[in-house]
Amino acid sequence: MVSVISHLVQHRKAVISEKKILADLQQKSGNEFPGSDYHPPDRKNWMSNLEPQKIQINKIIWPGTHDSATNDIGIPFISRPFAQCQTLSIYEQLVIGTRVFDIRVQENRRVCHGILLTYSIEVVLNDIKKFLGETESEIIILEIRTEYGHKDPPEFDKYLVGQLSEFLIYQDDQVFEKTVAELLPKRVICVWKPSKSPPPKPGDPLWSSAYLKDNWIDTDLPWTKFQSNMKYLSDQPPVTKRNFFYRVENTVTPQANNPVVYVKPVTYRIHPYGRLFISQCFSNGCADRLQIFSEDFIDEDFIDACIGLTRAKIEGKA
């Protein structure tokens, strides 16, 4: 018992220390970067407003969400706080500007986070199709994977193609160098990551997981995560020299051996520092590697930061 208490005390000290490091760095260095003062007049149509013929796919800073479809997961006030990473629906996230989604499913085509379940994948796809029907030039990256420990939904690849066929951008390395306008009217890059089923092949309507990479750091310590994100990003080739998307997640994760296990209070240890991370990418010389940037409980300020940097890249200011 004494060792457990000692561990908890030491861990709490580490959390406080790491939060202070981030706060001090932000106060010292600030959050300025090219495009940081931009606020789009219409987040729902931000790609359209940045001129689709000028936006090259590999130059976009894609705002994304982690565990995207968990707004209604579990039982409110009981199990939900342990697994909810977003409060907005997929449609609401699209409207405020989110363009990359992390969806986990189990064998019955229901969205899940660990052992907790929420609505059917059909809800997600209907939200996406509703949004696509209301806009003209917004491109979406949709990652769907079988959650760890679950079985693949039967013939799920055929189901996805049937649901999204008219919108799917086929797997092709040349996509990265094209502009949004060159891909239209196709508007969805759908990455399917099964557990045991065969992955998508070159030229398929779905993309394999090799095209969406990240380095997941499982920690609830914010400075540890911040530094690790920067290190792994720095190890990547520049966006113009790679044929895959790379994701950085501005999140920290509750740990089972610590008393704070609700998602929101833990992830808010790093949540305010999205803009700081972008500014530090410039300070550390790896801004040309940043591409997909995602977080829990996404908000408009985070999205504006991504759009602002994208606009600066288009204008040659970054």
Protein backbone atom coordinates (compact mmCIF):
# COMPACT_ATOMS: atom_id res chain seq x y z
CA MET A 1 0.00 0.00 0.00
CA VAL A 2 2.81 2.41 0.87
CA SER A 3 4.48 1.80 -2.52
CA VAL A 4 1.19 2.43 -4.33
CA ILE A 5 0.65 5.71 -2.52
CA SER A 6 4.26 6.72 -3.17
CA HIS A 7 3.81 5.99 -6.88
CA LEU A 8 0.65 8.09 -7.04
CA VAL A 9 2.32 10.99 -5.25
CA GLN A 10 5.36 10.88 -7.55
CA HIS A 11 3.16 10.65 -10.61
CA ARG A 12 1.08 13.62 -9.52
CA LYS A 13 4.28 15.63 -9.07
CA ALA A 14 5.37 14.62 -12.59
CA VAL A 15 2.05 15.76 -14.06
CA ILE A 16 2.28 19.13 -12.32
CA SER A 17 5.91 19.55 -13.39
CA GLU A 18 5.19 18.70 -17.04
CA LYS A 19 2.16 21.00 -17.20
CA LYS A 20 4.37 23.81 -15.89
CA ILE A 21 7.04 23.13 -18.54
CA LEU A 22 4.44 23.56 -21.29
CA ALA A 23 2.95 26.67 -19.72
CA ASP A 24 6.40 28.24 -19.30
CA LEU A 25 7.37 27.38 -22.88
CA GLN A 26 4.18 28.94 -24.19
CA GLN A 27 4.76 32.10 -22.18
CA LYS A 28 8.37 32.31 -23.36
CA SER A 29 7.96 31.34 -27.01
CA GLY A 30 4.36 32.24 -27.81
CA ASN A 31 2.03 30.68 -30.36
CA GLU A 32 2.95 32.64 -33.48
CA PHE A 33 3.48 30.92 -36.83
CA PRO A 34 2.65 31.78 -40.45
CA GLY A 35 -1.12 32.10 -40.71
CA SER A 36 -1.71 31.95 -36.95
CA ASP A 37 -3.88 35.07 -37.03
CA TYR A 38 -6.23 33.74 -39.73
CA HIS A 39 -9.84 32.91 -38.91
CA PRO A 40 -11.82 31.48 -41.84
CA PRO A 41 -15.13 33.18 -42.62
CA ASP A 42 -16.79 29.82 -43.35
CA ARG A 43 -15.29 26.74 -41.71
CA LYS A 44 -17.82 24.46 -43.37
CA ASN A 45 -16.39 25.35 -46.79
CA TRP A 46 -12.82 26.24 -45.90
CA MET A 47 -11.20 24.25 -48.72
CA SER A 48 -13.53 25.87 -51.25
CA ASN A 49 -12.65 29.30 -49.94
CA LEU A 50 -8.91 28.62 -50.24
CA GLU A 51 -9.39 27.89 -53.95
CA PRO A 52 -9.36 24.14 -54.73
CA GLN A 53 -7.16 24.61 -57.81
CA LYS A 54 -4.38 25.92 -55.55
CA ILE A 55 -4.57 23.43 -52.69
CA GLN A 56 -2.17 20.54 -53.23
CA ILE A 57 -3.15 17.49 -51.16
CA ASN A 58 0.28 17.04 -49.56
CA LYS A 59 0.42 20.70 -48.51
CA ILE A 60 -2.79 20.66 -46.46
CA ILE A 61 -2.59 20.76 -42.67
CA TRP A 62 -5.52 18.44 -41.97
CA PRO A 63 -7.43 19.05 -38.71
CA GLY A 64 -8.52 15.69 -37.33
CA THR A 65 -10.09 14.01 -34.35
CA HIS A 66 -9.00 11.08 -32.19
CA ASP A 67 -11.70 8.45 -31.48
CA SER A 68 -13.96 10.59 -33.61
CA ALA A 69 -17.35 8.92 -33.12
CA THR A 70 -17.53 8.69 -29.33
CA ASN A 71 -19.94 11.56 -28.63
CA ASP A 72 -22.70 9.17 -27.50
CA ILE A 73 -20.63 6.23 -26.30
CA GLY A 74 -21.46 4.35 -23.12
CA ILE A 75 -23.86 5.46 -20.38
CA PRO A 76 -23.95 9.21 -19.52
CA PHE A 77 -22.18 10.05 -16.24
CA ILE A 78 -21.31 6.37 -15.68
CA SER A 79 -19.18 4.76 -18.39
CA ARG A 80 -19.14 7.62 -20.91
CA PRO A 81 -16.43 9.73 -19.21
CA PHE A 82 -14.02 6.78 -19.50
CA ALA A 83 -14.29 6.60 -23.30
CA GLN A 84 -15.74 9.81 -24.72
CA CYS A 85 -13.14 11.75 -26.72
CA GLN A 86 -15.50 14.02 -28.68
CA THR A 87 -18.76 15.74 -27.77
CA LEU A 88 -19.69 16.65 -31.35
CA SER A 89 -21.24 14.31 -33.92
CA ILE A 90 -19.34 13.57 -37.11
CA TYR A 91 -21.58 15.98 -39.01
CA GLU A 92 -20.99 18.74 -36.44
CA GLN A 93 -17.25 18.14 -36.61
CA LEU A 94 -17.36 18.44 -40.41
CA VAL A 95 -19.29 21.70 -40.22
CA ILE A 96 -16.70 23.31 -37.92
CA GLY A 97 -13.88 22.20 -40.23
CA THR A 98 -12.63 18.75 -39.18
CA ARG A 99 -11.47 16.74 -42.19
CA VAL A 100 -9.80 13.58 -40.77
CA PHE A 101 -11.66 10.95 -38.75
CA ASP A 102 -10.53 8.01 -36.63
CA ILE A 103 -13.36 5.46 -36.48
CA ARG A 104 -13.09 2.10 -34.66
CA VAL A 105 -15.58 -0.69 -35.31
CA GLN A 106 -16.32 -4.22 -34.11
CA GLU A 107 -17.84 -7.26 -35.76
CA ASN A 108 -21.44 -5.98 -35.74
CA ARG A 109 -20.51 -2.72 -37.53
CA ARG A 110 -20.97 -0.73 -34.37
CA VAL A 111 -18.49 1.98 -33.42
CA CYS A 112 -16.57 1.23 -30.25
CA HIS A 113 -13.79 2.44 -27.98
CA GLY A 114 -12.32 -0.54 -26.20
CA ILE A 115 -15.19 -2.57 -24.76
CA LEU A 116 -17.74 0.26 -24.92
CA LEU A 117 -20.13 0.52 -27.86
CA THR A 118 -22.06 3.34 -29.48
CA TYR A 119 -24.10 3.71 -32.68
CA SER A 120 -23.76 1.85 -35.96
CA ILE A 121 -21.19 2.85 -38.57
CA GLU A 122 -24.20 3.75 -40.70
CA VAL A 123 -24.68 6.85 -38.54
CA VAL A 124 -21.13 7.98 -39.35
CA LEU A 125 -21.53 7.36 -43.08
CA ASN A 126 -24.89 9.12 -43.20
CA ASP A 127 -23.37 12.18 -41.49
CA ILE A 128 -20.57 12.21 -44.05
CA LYS A 129 -22.92 11.84 -47.01
CA LYS A 130 -25.14 14.60 -45.64
CA PHE A 131 -22.16 16.93 -45.42
CA LEU A 132 -20.88 16.01 -48.87
CA GLY A 133 -24.32 16.75 -50.28
CA GLU A 134 -24.22 20.25 -48.79
CA THR A 135 -20.70 21.15 -49.99
CA GLU A 136 -18.76 20.96 -53.25
CA SER A 137 -14.99 20.95 -52.71
CA GLU A 138 -14.25 19.58 -49.23
CA ILE A 139 -12.01 16.48 -49.14
CA ILE A 140 -12.27 14.04 -46.22
CA ILE A 141 -9.83 11.41 -44.94
CA LEU A 142 -11.83 8.66 -43.27
CA GLU A 143 -9.86 6.04 -41.35
CA ILE A 144 -11.88 3.01 -40.27
CA ARG A 145 -10.22 0.20 -38.37
CA THR A 146 -11.26 -2.84 -36.42
CA GLU A 147 -10.74 -2.02 -32.75
CA TYR A 148 -8.04 -4.05 -31.01
CA GLY A 149 -9.44 -7.30 -29.62
CA HIS A 150 -12.45 -7.37 -31.94
CA LYS A 151 -13.21 -9.30 -35.12
CA ASP A 152 -13.60 -7.67 -38.52
CA PRO A 153 -17.17 -7.02 -39.67
CA PRO A 154 -17.95 -9.57 -42.44
CA GLU A 155 -17.34 -8.24 -45.97
CA PHE A 156 -16.89 -4.76 -44.55
CA ASP A 157 -14.79 -3.53 -47.47
CA LYS A 158 -17.65 -4.24 -49.87
CA TYR A 159 -20.05 -2.49 -47.52
CA LEU A 160 -17.91 0.67 -47.39
CA VAL A 161 -17.50 0.77 -51.17
CA GLY A 162 -21.23 0.34 -51.61
CA GLN A 163 -22.00 3.17 -49.21
CA LEU A 164 -19.42 5.68 -50.49
CA SER A 165 -18.78 4.55 -54.07
CA GLU A 166 -19.61 7.85 -55.82
CA PHE A 167 -17.24 9.79 -53.54
CA LEU A 168 -14.24 7.47 -53.19
CA ILE A 169 -10.78 8.57 -54.32
CA TYR A 170 -9.01 5.36 -55.35
CA GLN A 171 -5.69 4.33 -53.80
CA ASP A 172 -3.00 5.97 -55.91
CA ASP A 173 0.40 7.47 -55.00
CA GLN A 174 -0.17 10.29 -57.50
CA VAL A 175 -2.99 11.67 -55.35
CA PHE A 176 -0.52 13.37 -53.01
CA GLU A 177 0.77 15.73 -55.70
CA LYS A 178 -2.67 16.62 -57.07
CA THR A 179 -4.80 19.58 -56.11
CA VAL A 180 -8.27 19.33 -54.61
CA ALA A 181 -9.73 20.50 -57.94
CA GLU A 182 -7.97 17.68 -59.80
CA LEU A 183 -9.60 15.07 -57.56
CA LEU A 184 -13.15 16.42 -57.73
CA PRO A 185 -15.89 15.23 -57.86
CA LYS A 186 -14.32 12.39 -55.81
CA ARG A 187 -13.96 13.56 -52.22
CA VAL A 188 -13.25 10.76 -49.74
CA ILE A 189 -9.95 9.00 -49.05
CA CYS A 190 -11.13 5.98 -47.07
CA VAL A 191 -8.43 4.04 -45.22
CA TRP A 192 -9.58 0.56 -44.13
CA LYS A 193 -7.47 -1.22 -41.53
CA PRO A 194 -8.88 -4.69 -40.81
CA SER A 195 -7.69 -6.98 -38.04
CA LYS A 196 -7.31 -10.18 -40.09
CA SER A 197 -9.14 -9.63 -43.37
CA PRO A 198 -7.03 -8.88 -46.48
CA PRO A 199 -6.03 -5.19 -46.66
CA PRO A 200 -6.86 -3.04 -49.70
CA LYS A 201 -4.57 -3.44 -52.69
CA PRO A 202 -3.03 -0.80 -55.02
CA GLY A 203 -5.71 0.67 -57.24
CA ASP A 204 -8.56 -0.36 -54.92
CA PRO A 205 -11.31 2.11 -53.97
CA LEU A 206 -10.14 1.83 -50.34
CA TRP A 207 -6.64 2.67 -49.06
CA SER A 208 -4.42 0.43 -46.94
CA SER A 209 -3.16 1.46 -43.51
CA ALA A 210 0.34 1.97 -44.98
CA TYR A 211 -0.93 5.30 -46.29
CA LEU A 212 -1.81 6.67 -42.85
CA LYS A 213 0.98 6.43 -40.30
CA ASP A 214 1.53 7.71 -36.80
CA ASN A 215 3.51 6.96 -33.66
CA TRP A 216 1.12 6.47 -30.79
CA ILE A 217 2.70 7.39 -27.44
CA ASP A 218 0.58 5.96 -24.64
CA THR A 219 1.10 8.37 -21.75
CA ASP A 220 -0.82 10.79 -19.58
CA LEU A 221 2.20 13.09 -19.19
CA PRO A 222 1.78 16.16 -21.45
CA TRP A 223 5.39 17.26 -21.91
CA THR A 224 6.46 13.67 -22.51
CA LYS A 225 3.83 13.41 -25.26
CA PHE A 226 4.68 16.85 -26.69
CA GLN A 227 8.39 16.02 -26.94
CA SER A 228 7.74 12.55 -28.37
CA ASN A 229 5.40 13.97 -30.99
CA MET A 230 8.09 16.44 -32.02
CA LYS A 231 10.79 13.77 -32.17
CA TYR A 232 8.76 11.35 -34.28
CA LEU A 233 7.60 14.12 -36.58
CA SER A 234 11.20 15.26 -37.08
CA ASP A 235 12.10 11.72 -38.15
CA GLN A 236 9.62 11.83 -41.07
CA PRO A 237 10.48 12.92 -44.62
CA PRO A 238 9.05 16.28 -45.72
CA VAL A 239 5.50 16.04 -47.08
CA THR A 240 6.74 16.63 -50.63
CA LYS A 241 8.97 13.53 -50.43
CA ARG A 242 6.55 10.95 -49.04
CA ASN A 243 3.56 9.09 -50.38
CA PHE A 244 1.67 8.64 -47.13
CA PHE A 245 -0.14 10.78 -44.60
CA TYR A 246 1.49 11.22 -41.19
CA ARG A 247 -0.62 12.03 -38.13
CA VAL A 248 0.38 13.82 -34.95
CA GLU A 249 -2.12 13.57 -32.09
CA ASN A 250 -2.28 16.37 -29.54
CA THR A 251 -3.65 14.02 -26.87
CA VAL A 252 -2.68 12.28 -23.69
CA THR A 253 -4.36 9.14 -22.43
CA PRO A 254 -5.61 8.05 -18.98
CA GLN A 255 -3.55 5.27 -17.45
CA ALA A 256 -5.13 2.41 -15.52
CA ASN A 257 -2.66 2.65 -12.61
CA ASN A 258 -3.42 6.31 -11.86
CA PRO A 259 -6.46 7.78 -10.12
CA VAL A 260 -7.57 10.16 -12.88
CA VAL A 261 -9.06 7.88 -15.54
CA TYR A 262 -11.66 10.14 -17.17
CA VAL A 263 -10.58 11.23 -20.64
CA LYS A 264 -11.39 14.94 -20.49
CA PRO A 265 -9.40 16.08 -17.43
CA VAL A 266 -6.40 14.06 -18.58
CA THR A 267 -6.35 15.17 -22.22
CA TYR A 268 -6.83 18.80 -21.18
CA ARG A 269 -3.31 18.66 -19.77
CA ILE A 270 -2.12 19.04 -23.39
CA HIS A 271 -5.25 20.30 -25.16
CA PRO A 272 -4.40 24.06 -24.88
CA TYR A 273 -1.02 23.58 -26.57
CA GLY A 274 -1.92 22.75 -30.16
CA ARG A 275 -0.82 26.16 -31.42
CA LEU A 276 2.35 25.93 -29.35
CA PHE A 277 3.19 22.64 -31.06
CA ILE A 278 2.84 24.21 -34.51
CA SER A 279 5.02 27.17 -33.54
CA GLN A 280 7.63 24.79 -32.11
CA CYS A 281 7.60 22.84 -35.39
CA PHE A 282 8.95 25.99 -37.04
CA SER A 283 11.47 26.56 -34.24
CA ASN A 284 12.67 22.96 -34.58
CA GLY A 285 12.82 22.98 -38.38
CA CYS A 286 10.17 20.32 -38.99
CA ALA A 287 7.17 22.39 -40.08
CA ASP A 288 7.54 20.94 -43.58
CA ARG A 289 6.70 17.52 -42.09
CA LEU A 290 3.47 18.44 -40.30
CA GLN A 291 0.37 17.16 -42.07
CA ILE A 292 -2.50 15.59 -40.10
CA PHE A 293 -2.91 17.17 -36.67
CA SER A 294 -5.63 15.76 -34.44
CA GLU A 295 -6.94 16.05 -30.90
CA ASP A 296 -9.65 15.05 -28.46
CA PHE A 297 -12.61 17.41 -27.97
CA ILE A 298 -11.76 19.39 -31.09
CA ASP A 299 -12.64 23.08 -31.14
CA GLU A 300 -12.68 25.94 -33.61
CA ASP A 301 -9.40 27.46 -32.41
CA PHE A 302 -7.51 24.24 -33.17
CA ILE A 303 -9.14 24.05 -36.60
CA ASP A 304 -8.36 27.71 -37.34
CA ALA A 305 -4.69 27.07 -36.57
CA CYS A 306 -4.57 24.24 -39.14
CA ILE A 307 -6.46 26.21 -41.77
CA GLY A 308 -4.33 29.30 -41.19
CA LEU A 309 -1.11 27.37 -41.74
CA THR A 310 -2.56 25.72 -44.85
CA ARG A 311 -3.45 29.15 -46.24
CA ALA A 312 0.08 30.40 -45.51
CA LYS A 313 1.56 27.41 -47.38
CA ILE A 314 -0.65 28.08 -50.40
CA GLU A 315 0.45 31.71 -50.40
CA GLY A 316 4.13 30.74 -50.09
CA LYS A 317 4.47 32.26 -46.62
CA ALA A 318 5.36 29.02 -44.85
